[in-house]
Amino acid sequence: MVIRGLWVCKVRLAKRGGYLGLLPVLCLLVFACLLAVLFVDYIESWVTSLGMSRGVGTHRVVLPQRIPPTRSEEYLLMPSPLVCQRAKPYLITMVISAPANRKARQAIRDTWGGEVQVRGHRVITLFMLGQPSDPVLAKELVEESRERGDLVQGRFLDSYANLTLKTLSMLAWARRFCPQAHFLAKVDDDVMFNPSALLHYLVLYGATPESELADLYLGRVHMRVSPNRNPASKHFLSEAAFGGAAFPDYCSGTAYVLSRPSVLKLSLAAAAVHLPKPLPPEDVFMGLCAQTVGIKPNHSPFFSGGPPVPYGRCCYQAMVSVHHTKPEEMLRYWADMHSTAPCSWLRVRTSLGFCKVRAHLGNLLGFAL
């Protein structure tokens, strides 16, 4: 496409008798735009790196030498405690789900979830929930757990205000019952996740047996976000809970990935921090814990967590996570993505670029393109 554009410009210039008028400038502009589309992920990563905090300062918090042990009786529902010993997962994906979202959970099971082999690695998916206030729904969850064996339910009320408790419960379960997993992915149930794209990304950017022991906190990084001081907002955070003008950089809670050492360090930090009321948003709290232990978030343009990314088969083959995906869309997109052979490098680059451009333009204009 780029070569063809240059050839058209050359032909038109020749017909007009040389470098006259604005045509050369327009051709260069078209060429630059085409290059930008092909390498939009590199441009996004570069721009984000310029805006991120230059260092990760640690708070003066005394971390505990050990974390209180997690016991199976702390969870109302859970798979067999030996599930990870049996499956030996390289990656465990914990999906944060609401009790009533059974349709979303089933769509995940029918697409990217379950226990699967991806790029030679074992991947398992489990669902993290709290307690519903409806006793009928509680019974339905017991039946679902008995039938599917993939629910982890903590002893707390499932609500938006308790999302931070749900994430802490997830970390505790993974640390206690799945310590052999190299990576943990936290994913919301309205996200289409792509384990194959994630593992490809980790290998491409240097995930080796040695580097897997390093700290990793990977996702779409939010920068310089100010606390919401409106008491009527569900995102309200008082100055007593956080007195700064802006949060430290943190990964969007829609989907992020932690290495095994990061899971342990974030758990230590969470155990040392006093939990204020109301609780801070869970992704903000993870960012605060990461700052406490000196873990810097890593931005990846293949994680969505901002403007919705419009569907494109080749684009979605490259994306690790896509937010705002309805169950019926997830089923349709996943089937289409795997209906034919994988896209070529050029088609992936072009499709990814146009998806990103449409997403950002749609965000600026206020409607999907």
Protein backbone atom coordinates (compact mmCIF):
# COMPACT_ATOMS: atom_id res chain seq x y z
CA MET A 1 0.00 0.00 0.00
CA VAL A 2 2.80 2.43 0.88
CA ILE A 3 4.76 1.59 -2.29
CA ARG A 4 1.65 1.92 -4.42
CA GLY A 5 0.95 5.37 -2.95
CA LEU A 6 4.46 6.56 -3.76
CA TRP A 7 4.18 5.22 -7.31
CA VAL A 8 0.91 7.09 -7.89
CA CYS A 9 2.50 10.30 -6.62
CA LYS A 10 5.51 9.81 -8.93
CA VAL A 11 3.31 9.26 -11.96
CA ARG A 12 1.19 12.32 -11.26
CA LEU A 13 4.26 14.46 -10.68
CA ALA A 14 5.75 13.34 -13.99
CA LYS A 15 2.54 14.21 -15.85
CA ARG A 16 2.56 17.72 -14.34
CA GLY A 17 6.13 18.36 -15.38
CA GLY A 18 7.97 18.08 -12.07
CA TYR A 19 7.71 19.33 -8.56
CA LEU A 20 5.03 21.97 -8.98
CA GLY A 21 2.40 23.19 -6.60
CA LEU A 22 1.35 21.38 -3.46
CA LEU A 23 1.36 17.90 -4.90
CA PRO A 24 4.79 16.90 -3.52
CA VAL A 25 3.76 18.06 -0.06
CA LEU A 26 0.50 16.14 -0.30
CA CYS A 27 2.33 13.00 -1.42
CA LEU A 28 4.73 13.23 1.50
CA LEU A 29 1.80 13.77 3.84
CA VAL A 30 -0.01 10.70 2.47
CA PHE A 31 3.18 8.66 2.80
CA ALA A 32 3.64 9.81 6.41
CA CYS A 33 0.02 8.96 7.24
CA LEU A 34 0.38 5.49 5.75
CA LEU A 35 3.53 4.87 7.78
CA ALA A 36 1.76 6.13 10.90
CA VAL A 37 -1.11 3.69 10.30
CA LEU A 38 1.28 0.77 9.85
CA PHE A 39 3.20 1.54 13.04
CA VAL A 40 0.47 3.08 15.19
CA ASP A 41 1.25 0.76 18.12
CA TYR A 42 4.89 1.91 18.23
CA ILE A 43 3.77 5.54 18.07
CA GLU A 44 1.27 4.98 20.90
CA SER A 45 3.92 3.29 23.04
CA TRP A 46 6.36 6.14 22.42
CA VAL A 47 3.82 8.88 23.18
CA THR A 48 2.71 7.05 26.34
CA SER A 49 6.29 6.63 27.52
CA LEU A 50 6.79 10.40 27.23
CA GLY A 51 3.81 11.04 29.51
CA MET A 52 4.56 8.42 32.14
CA SER A 53 6.23 9.19 35.44
CA ARG A 54 10.00 9.02 35.15
CA GLY A 55 10.50 7.08 38.36
CA VAL A 56 8.57 4.92 40.77
CA GLY A 57 8.87 6.30 44.26
CA THR A 58 8.04 4.03 47.15
CA HIS A 59 6.00 5.11 50.15
CA ARG A 60 7.37 4.62 53.63
CA VAL A 61 5.31 1.55 54.35
CA VAL A 62 6.70 -1.33 56.35
CA LEU A 63 5.86 -4.45 54.38
CA PRO A 64 5.04 -7.60 56.34
CA GLN A 65 7.57 -10.40 56.24
CA ARG A 66 4.82 -12.82 55.30
CA ILE A 67 1.19 -12.75 54.24
CA PRO A 68 -1.48 -14.38 56.42
CA PRO A 69 -2.21 -17.82 54.94
CA THR A 70 -5.21 -18.17 52.68
CA ARG A 71 -7.49 -21.08 53.54
CA SER A 72 -10.03 -22.80 51.35
CA GLU A 73 -12.81 -22.08 53.87
CA GLU A 74 -12.39 -18.36 53.11
CA TYR A 75 -14.14 -19.04 49.81
CA LEU A 76 -17.76 -20.11 49.49
CA LEU A 77 -17.16 -21.69 46.08
CA MET A 78 -13.96 -22.74 44.38
CA PRO A 79 -12.58 -25.43 42.09
CA SER A 80 -10.57 -28.26 43.49
CA PRO A 81 -7.57 -26.90 45.46
CA LEU A 82 -5.47 -29.16 43.24
CA VAL A 83 -6.73 -27.66 39.95
CA CYS A 84 -3.43 -25.93 39.20
CA GLN A 85 -1.36 -28.92 40.23
CA ARG A 86 -3.32 -30.97 37.73
CA ALA A 87 -3.36 -28.42 34.89
CA LYS A 88 0.11 -26.92 35.57
CA PRO A 89 -0.83 -23.60 33.93
CA TYR A 90 1.68 -21.21 32.45
CA LEU A 91 -0.99 -18.50 32.48
CA ILE A 92 -4.03 -18.34 34.73
CA THR A 93 -6.76 -15.89 33.75
CA MET A 94 -9.05 -14.71 36.53
CA VAL A 95 -12.21 -13.11 35.15
CA ILE A 96 -13.88 -10.59 37.45
CA SER A 97 -17.57 -11.35 37.01
CA ALA A 98 -20.86 -10.31 38.64
CA PRO A 99 -23.07 -13.16 39.89
CA ALA A 100 -25.88 -12.32 37.45
CA ASN A 101 -23.59 -12.30 34.39
CA ARG A 102 -23.93 -15.98 33.55
CA LYS A 103 -24.41 -15.25 29.84
CA ALA A 104 -21.08 -13.41 29.74
CA ARG A 105 -19.31 -16.27 31.54
CA GLN A 106 -20.73 -18.80 29.10
CA ALA A 107 -19.62 -16.71 26.12
CA ILE A 108 -16.08 -16.68 27.55
CA ARG A 109 -16.15 -20.45 28.05
CA ASP A 110 -17.32 -20.90 24.46
CA THR A 111 -14.56 -18.69 23.04
CA TRP A 112 -11.22 -17.93 24.70
CA GLY A 113 -11.81 -19.43 28.19
CA GLY A 114 -11.61 -22.92 29.66
CA GLU A 115 -8.49 -25.07 29.93
CA VAL A 116 -6.60 -24.80 26.64
CA GLN A 117 -3.17 -25.23 25.10
CA VAL A 118 -1.92 -21.95 23.58
CA ARG A 119 1.41 -21.66 21.76
CA GLY A 120 2.67 -24.71 23.63
CA HIS A 121 1.62 -23.39 27.05
CA ARG A 122 -1.22 -24.44 29.32
CA VAL A 123 -3.78 -21.71 30.01
CA ILE A 124 -6.74 -21.96 32.40
CA THR A 125 -9.57 -19.50 33.04
CA LEU A 126 -11.52 -19.10 36.28
CA PHE A 127 -14.22 -16.63 37.36
CA MET A 128 -13.97 -14.52 40.52
CA LEU A 129 -17.23 -13.48 42.21
CA GLY A 130 -18.61 -12.19 45.49
CA GLN A 131 -21.83 -13.05 47.30
CA PRO A 132 -25.12 -11.98 45.69
CA SER A 133 -27.83 -10.44 47.85
CA ASP A 134 -30.47 -12.57 46.05
CA PRO A 135 -30.71 -16.09 47.62
CA VAL A 136 -32.11 -17.51 44.38
CA LEU A 137 -29.06 -16.30 42.49
CA ALA A 138 -26.82 -17.73 45.20
CA LYS A 139 -28.35 -21.19 44.61
CA GLU A 140 -27.88 -20.81 40.86
CA LEU A 141 -24.19 -20.09 41.41
CA VAL A 142 -23.85 -23.28 43.47
CA GLU A 143 -25.34 -25.24 40.57
CA GLU A 144 -23.12 -23.47 38.04
CA SER A 145 -20.05 -24.19 40.14
CA ARG A 146 -21.03 -27.85 40.45
CA GLU A 147 -21.59 -28.09 36.71
CA ARG A 148 -18.63 -26.06 35.43
CA GLY A 149 -16.06 -26.20 38.27
CA ASP A 150 -14.54 -22.82 37.41
CA LEU A 151 -16.01 -20.38 39.98
CA VAL A 152 -14.13 -18.79 42.88
CA GLN A 153 -16.47 -16.97 45.27
CA GLY A 154 -15.19 -14.85 48.14
CA ARG A 155 -16.98 -14.06 51.40
CA PHE A 156 -18.00 -10.47 50.65
CA LEU A 157 -20.99 -8.78 49.06
CA ASP A 158 -20.61 -8.52 45.31
CA SER A 159 -20.93 -4.81 44.52
CA TYR A 160 -19.14 -2.10 42.60
CA ALA A 161 -17.87 -0.64 45.87
CA ASN A 162 -16.23 -3.98 46.70
CA LEU A 163 -14.32 -4.46 43.44
CA THR A 164 -11.08 -3.83 45.29
CA LEU A 165 -11.94 -6.61 47.77
CA LYS A 166 -12.68 -8.89 44.83
CA THR A 167 -9.27 -8.20 43.31
CA LEU A 168 -7.51 -8.79 46.64
CA SER A 169 -9.42 -12.04 47.02
CA MET A 170 -8.32 -13.00 43.50
CA LEU A 171 -4.67 -12.32 44.32
CA ALA A 172 -4.91 -14.31 47.54
CA TRP A 173 -6.46 -17.30 45.80
CA ALA A 174 -3.93 -17.31 42.97
CA ARG A 175 -1.02 -16.93 45.40
CA ARG A 176 -2.23 -19.78 47.62
CA PHE A 177 -3.70 -22.28 45.18
CA CYS A 178 -1.89 -21.55 41.91
CA PRO A 179 1.65 -20.43 42.87
CA GLN A 180 3.24 -22.31 39.97
CA ALA A 181 1.60 -20.17 37.28
CA HIS A 182 4.16 -17.91 35.59
CA PHE A 183 1.62 -15.18 34.82
CA LEU A 184 -1.75 -14.05 36.16
CA ALA A 185 -4.18 -12.09 33.97
CA LYS A 186 -6.99 -10.13 35.59
CA VAL A 187 -9.81 -9.60 33.07
CA ASP A 188 -13.33 -8.14 33.28
CA ASP A 189 -16.20 -10.25 31.94
CA ASP A 190 -17.07 -7.71 29.22
CA VAL A 191 -13.59 -8.05 27.71
CA MET A 192 -12.66 -10.31 24.82
CA PHE A 193 -9.25 -11.60 25.82
CA ASN A 194 -6.76 -13.21 23.44
CA PRO A 195 -4.29 -15.50 25.26
CA SER A 196 -2.49 -16.29 21.99
CA ALA A 197 -1.83 -12.60 21.30
CA LEU A 198 -0.64 -12.11 24.90
CA LEU A 199 1.82 -15.00 24.77
CA HIS A 200 3.06 -13.81 21.37
CA TYR A 201 3.56 -10.32 22.84
CA LEU A 202 5.43 -11.66 25.88
CA VAL A 203 7.79 -13.70 23.68
CA LEU A 204 8.25 -10.84 21.21
CA TYR A 205 9.24 -8.47 24.00
CA GLY A 206 11.66 -10.77 25.72
CA ALA A 207 9.77 -13.09 28.07
CA THR A 208 12.35 -15.80 28.80
CA PRO A 209 12.54 -18.23 31.74
CA GLU A 210 14.90 -15.72 33.38
CA SER A 211 12.79 -12.61 32.72
CA GLU A 212 9.64 -14.36 33.96
CA LEU A 213 11.13 -14.01 37.42
CA ALA A 214 11.14 -10.22 37.04
CA ASP A 215 8.35 -7.86 38.04
CA LEU A 216 5.71 -7.37 35.36
CA TYR A 217 2.62 -5.20 35.59
CA LEU A 218 1.36 -4.98 32.02
CA GLY A 219 -1.71 -3.38 30.48
CA ARG A 220 -3.09 -0.10 29.21
CA VAL A 221 -1.54 2.57 31.43
CA HIS A 222 -3.60 5.49 32.68
CA MET A 223 -1.51 8.54 33.55
CA ARG A 224 -2.08 11.62 35.71
CA VAL A 225 -5.64 10.73 36.65
CA SER A 226 -7.08 13.06 39.29
CA PRO A 227 -9.16 11.67 42.19
CA ASN A 228 -12.91 12.18 41.97
CA ARG A 229 -13.93 14.38 44.90
CA ASN A 230 -17.67 14.32 44.16
CA PRO A 231 -19.40 12.38 47.00
CA ALA A 232 -22.31 11.54 44.69
CA SER A 233 -20.04 9.71 42.21
CA LYS A 234 -19.38 5.97 42.40
CA HIS A 235 -15.70 6.84 41.80
CA PHE A 236 -15.57 9.18 44.82
CA LEU A 237 -12.36 9.11 46.84
CA SER A 238 -11.92 11.35 49.87
CA GLU A 239 -8.78 13.34 50.61
CA ALA A 240 -8.36 11.24 53.76
CA ALA A 241 -8.11 8.13 51.57
CA PHE A 242 -5.77 9.76 49.04
CA GLY A 243 -4.49 13.29 49.44
CA GLY A 244 -2.49 13.65 46.23
CA ALA A 245 -3.51 15.73 43.20
CA ALA A 246 -3.08 12.77 40.83
CA PHE A 247 -2.80 9.02 41.17
CA PRO A 248 0.44 7.25 40.28
CA ASP A 249 0.40 5.63 36.85
CA TYR A 250 -1.68 2.44 36.84
CA CYS A 251 -2.98 -0.17 34.42
CA SER A 252 -6.63 -0.09 33.40
CA GLY A 253 -8.64 -2.56 35.44
CA THR A 254 -10.34 -3.92 32.31
CA ALA A 255 -7.37 -6.24 31.78
CA TYR A 256 -3.81 -6.41 33.08
CA VAL A 257 -1.14 -9.07 33.52
CA LEU A 258 1.12 -9.77 36.49
CA SER A 259 4.18 -11.96 36.71
CA ARG A 260 4.52 -14.38 39.60
CA PRO A 261 6.86 -12.12 41.62
CA SER A 262 4.50 -9.17 41.09
CA VAL A 263 1.58 -11.14 42.51
CA LEU A 264 3.55 -11.77 45.69
CA LYS A 265 4.82 -8.20 46.04
CA LEU A 266 1.43 -6.61 45.39
CA SER A 267 -0.12 -8.97 47.94
CA LEU A 268 2.49 -7.88 50.50
CA ALA A 269 1.79 -4.23 49.77
CA ALA A 270 -1.98 -4.72 50.02
CA ALA A 271 -1.58 -6.46 53.36
CA ALA A 272 0.42 -3.51 54.70
CA VAL A 273 -1.91 -0.72 53.51
CA HIS A 274 -4.89 0.34 55.58
CA LEU A 275 -8.03 0.04 53.45
CA PRO A 276 -9.99 3.31 53.62
CA LYS A 277 -13.75 3.67 53.25
CA PRO A 278 -14.97 4.06 50.63
CA LEU A 279 -12.43 1.81 48.96
CA PRO A 280 -10.45 3.28 46.06
CA PRO A 281 -11.15 1.86 42.57
CA GLU A 282 -9.44 -1.50 42.25
CA ASP A 283 -7.13 -0.50 39.40
CA VAL A 284 -6.10 2.67 41.26
CA PHE A 285 -5.44 0.59 44.38
CA MET A 286 -3.24 -1.79 42.38
CA GLY A 287 -1.34 1.22 41.08
CA LEU A 288 -0.85 2.51 44.63
CA CYS A 289 0.39 -0.92 45.75
CA ALA A 290 2.72 -1.11 42.75
CA GLN A 291 4.19 2.28 43.63
CA THR A 292 4.66 1.12 47.23
CA VAL A 293 6.84 -1.83 46.19
CA GLY A 294 8.57 -0.02 43.30
CA ILE A 295 6.89 -1.83 40.39
CA LYS A 296 6.45 0.37 37.31
CA PRO A 297 3.46 -0.34 35.06
CA ASN A 298 4.25 -1.33 31.47
CA HIS A 299 2.04 0.07 28.72
CA SER A 300 0.97 -2.10 25.81
CA PRO A 301 -1.03 -0.68 22.87
CA PHE A 302 -2.59 -4.13 22.42
CA PHE A 303 -4.70 -3.70 25.57
CA SER A 304 -7.85 -1.61 25.20
CA GLY A 305 -9.20 0.27 28.16
CA GLY A 306 -10.05 3.62 26.67
CA PRO A 307 -12.13 4.24 23.55
CA PRO A 308 -13.93 1.16 22.15
CA VAL A 309 -11.97 -0.54 19.37
CA PRO A 310 -14.21 -1.24 16.33
CA TYR A 311 -14.15 -4.80 15.05
CA GLY A 312 -11.71 -5.85 12.36
CA ARG A 313 -10.76 -9.51 11.94
CA CYS A 314 -7.05 -8.90 11.46
CA CYS A 315 -7.01 -6.13 14.06
CA TYR A 316 -8.58 -8.33 16.73
CA GLN A 317 -6.10 -11.12 15.98
CA ALA A 318 -3.38 -8.78 17.26
CA MET A 319 -5.23 -7.25 20.23
CA VAL A 320 -4.71 -8.84 23.65
CA SER A 321 -7.88 -7.38 25.13
CA VAL A 322 -10.91 -5.54 23.79
CA HIS A 323 -13.25 -3.85 26.26
CA HIS A 324 -17.02 -3.27 25.95
CA THR A 325 -17.71 -6.60 24.24
CA LYS A 326 -21.20 -8.06 24.62
CA PRO A 327 -21.60 -11.87 24.89
CA GLU A 328 -23.22 -12.18 21.45
CA GLU A 329 -20.49 -10.01 19.91
CA MET A 330 -17.81 -12.11 21.57
CA LEU A 331 -19.21 -15.30 20.06
CA ARG A 332 -19.52 -13.71 16.61
CA TYR A 333 -16.12 -12.03 16.61
CA TRP A 334 -14.27 -15.10 17.89
CA ALA A 335 -15.85 -17.36 15.26
CA ASP A 336 -14.97 -14.90 12.50
CA MET A 337 -11.39 -14.44 13.76
CA HIS A 338 -10.81 -18.19 13.49
CA SER A 339 -12.85 -18.85 10.33
CA THR A 340 -9.81 -18.57 8.05
CA ALA A 341 -6.04 -18.65 8.24
CA PRO A 342 -4.25 -15.98 10.31
CA CYS A 343 -3.83 -12.62 8.60
CA SER A 344 -0.52 -11.67 6.98
CA TRP A 345 1.82 -9.22 8.71
CA LEU A 346 0.82 -6.37 6.38
CA ARG A 347 -2.91 -6.96 6.83
CA VAL A 348 -2.53 -7.09 10.61
CA ARG A 349 -0.53 -3.84 10.64
CA THR A 350 -2.98 -2.05 8.34
CA SER A 351 -6.10 -3.31 10.12
CA LEU A 352 -4.68 -2.53 13.56
CA GLY A 353 -3.78 0.98 12.47
CA PHE A 354 -7.21 1.76 11.06
CA CYS A 355 -8.93 0.24 14.13
CA LYS A 356 -6.90 2.48 16.43
CA VAL A 357 -7.48 5.59 14.31
CA ARG A 358 -11.24 4.93 14.18
CA ALA A 359 -11.32 4.34 17.95
CA HIS A 360 -9.60 7.63 18.74
CA LEU A 361 -11.64 9.61 16.21
CA GLY A 362 -14.84 8.09 17.58
CA ASN A 363 -13.77 9.06 21.08
CA LEU A 364 -13.11 12.65 19.99
CA LEU A 365 -16.38 12.92 18.07
CA GLY A 366 -18.44 11.19 20.75
CA PHE A 367 -19.76 8.26 18.68
CA ALA A 368 -18.50 5.00 17.20
CA LEU A 369 -17.10 5.06 13.68
